[in-house]
Amino acid sequence: MTDKEQKIVIDGTEYALSSLSQEARTQITNLRVVENEIAQLKARLAIAGTAKIAYQNALKNALPVDTH
């Protein structure tokens, strides 16, 4: 194992990627894909939340003013 070899830490234990089974490497890839998807969904949720606030403010501005 060289110093430049890719490593991963799982539950506090460091592993050389080359020492892991194909199944383990596949699951690491799956986890990375899912983590990326979660990050994208969180970003989309933040955008939607911002849009919701803007629409709520626009609605408030479009309502008639109560003169009582």
C-alpha atoms as a PDB file:
ATOM      1  CA  MET A   1       0.000   0.000   0.000  1.00  0.00           C
ATOM      2  CA  THR A   2       1.432   3.387  -1.011  1.00  0.00           C
ATOM      3  CA  ASP A   3       0.817   6.757   0.607  1.00  0.00           C
ATOM      4  CA  LYS A   4      -1.024   7.894  -2.537  1.00  0.00           C
ATOM      5  CA  GLU A   5      -3.476   5.000  -2.440  1.00  0.00           C
ATOM      6  CA  GLN A   6      -7.092   6.036  -1.967  1.00  0.00           C
ATOM      7  CA  LYS A   7      -8.401   5.376   1.505  1.00  0.00           C
ATOM      8  CA  ILE A   8     -11.755   5.630   3.188  1.00  0.00           C
ATOM      9  CA  VAL A   9     -12.699   5.832   6.866  1.00  0.00           C
ATOM     10  CA  ILE A  10     -15.719   3.812   7.948  1.00  0.00           C
ATOM     11  CA  ASP A  11     -16.794   3.842  11.592  1.00  0.00           C
ATOM     12  CA  GLY A  12     -13.396   5.206  12.602  1.00  0.00           C
ATOM     13  CA  THR A  13     -11.389   2.556  10.745  1.00  0.00           C
ATOM     14  CA  GLU A  14      -9.302   3.460   7.691  1.00  0.00           C
ATOM     15  CA  TYR A  15      -9.385   1.108   4.707  1.00  0.00           C
ATOM     16  CA  ALA A  16      -7.459   1.098   1.462  1.00  0.00           C
ATOM     17  CA  LEU A  17     -10.050   1.039  -1.315  1.00  0.00           C
ATOM     18  CA  SER A  18      -8.025  -1.568  -3.171  1.00  0.00           C
ATOM     19  CA  SER A  19      -8.304  -3.925  -0.186  1.00  0.00           C
ATOM     20  CA  LEU A  20     -12.115  -3.869  -0.214  1.00  0.00           C
ATOM     21  CA  SER A  21     -14.277  -6.346  -2.055  1.00  0.00           C
ATOM     22  CA  GLN A  22     -16.090  -5.330  -5.209  1.00  0.00           C
ATOM     23  CA  GLU A  23     -19.355  -5.456  -3.226  1.00  0.00           C
ATOM     24  CA  ALA A  24     -17.972  -3.029  -0.628  1.00  0.00           C
ATOM     25  CA  ARG A  25     -16.716  -0.650  -3.357  1.00  0.00           C
ATOM     26  CA  THR A  26     -20.116  -0.848  -5.057  1.00  0.00           C
ATOM     27  CA  GLN A  27     -21.858   0.084  -1.794  1.00  0.00           C
ATOM     28  CA  ILE A  28     -19.451   3.009  -1.304  1.00  0.00           C
ATOM     29  CA  THR A  29     -20.354   4.224  -4.788  1.00  0.00           C
ATOM     30  CA  ASN A  30     -24.054   3.805  -3.998  1.00  0.00           C
ATOM     31  CA  LEU A  31     -23.649   5.818  -0.796  1.00  0.00           C
ATOM     32  CA  ARG A  32     -21.833   8.593  -2.638  1.00  0.00           C
ATOM     33  CA  VAL A  33     -24.587   8.761  -5.265  1.00  0.00           C
ATOM     34  CA  VAL A  34     -27.291   8.917  -2.594  1.00  0.00           C
ATOM     35  CA  GLU A  35     -25.407  11.558  -0.596  1.00  0.00           C
ATOM     36  CA  ASN A  36     -25.108  13.652  -3.753  1.00  0.00           C
ATOM     37  CA  GLU A  37     -28.829  13.232  -4.462  1.00  0.00           C
ATOM     38  CA  ILE A  38     -29.684  14.268  -0.887  1.00  0.00           C
ATOM     39  CA  ALA A  39     -27.507  17.397  -1.251  1.00  0.00           C
ATOM     40  CA  GLN A  40     -29.261  18.282  -4.511  1.00  0.00           C
ATOM     41  CA  LEU A  41     -32.685  17.770  -2.946  1.00  0.00           C
ATOM     42  CA  LYS A  42     -31.734  19.953   0.031  1.00  0.00           C
ATOM     43  CA  ALA A  43     -30.663  22.700  -2.375  1.00  0.00           C
ATOM     44  CA  ARG A  44     -33.933  22.397  -4.289  1.00  0.00           C
ATOM     45  CA  LEU A  45     -35.872  22.527  -1.008  1.00  0.00           C
ATOM     46  CA  ALA A  46     -34.028  25.711  -0.013  1.00  0.00           C
ATOM     47  CA  ILE A  47     -34.896  27.269  -3.386  1.00  0.00           C
ATOM     48  CA  ALA A  48     -38.535  26.251  -2.990  1.00  0.00           C
ATOM     49  CA  GLY A  49     -38.621  27.663   0.544  1.00  0.00           C
ATOM     50  CA  THR A  50     -37.261  30.974  -0.691  1.00  0.00           C
ATOM     51  CA  ALA A  51     -39.820  31.051  -3.505  1.00  0.00           C
ATOM     52  CA  LYS A  52     -42.612  30.296  -1.043  1.00  0.00           C
ATOM     53  CA  ILE A  53     -41.634  33.263   1.109  1.00  0.00           C
ATOM     54  CA  ALA A  54     -41.542  35.508  -1.958  1.00  0.00           C
ATOM     55  CA  TYR A  55     -44.994  34.328  -3.059  1.00  0.00           C
ATOM     56  CA  GLN A  56     -46.382  34.847   0.450  1.00  0.00           C
ATOM     57  CA  ASN A  57     -45.024  38.395   0.485  1.00  0.00           C
ATOM     58  CA  ALA A  58     -46.411  39.072  -2.982  1.00  0.00           C
ATOM     59  CA  LEU A  59     -49.821  37.795  -1.857  1.00  0.00           C
ATOM     60  CA  LYS A  60     -49.773  40.060   1.195  1.00  0.00           C
ATOM     61  CA  ASN A  61     -48.972  43.024  -1.048  1.00  0.00           C
ATOM     62  CA  ALA A  62     -51.815  42.067  -3.416  1.00  0.00           C
ATOM     63  CA  LEU A  63     -54.469  41.945  -0.694  1.00  0.00           C
ATOM     64  CA  PRO A  64     -56.720  44.930  -0.118  1.00  0.00           C
ATOM     65  CA  VAL A  65     -55.623  47.233   2.675  1.00  0.00           C
ATOM     66  CA  ASP A  66     -57.878  47.135   5.735  1.00  0.00           C
ATOM     67  CA  THR A  67     -58.802  50.749   6.573  1.00  0.00           C
ATOM     68  CA  HIS A  68     -60.555  50.035   9.876  1.00  0.00           C
END
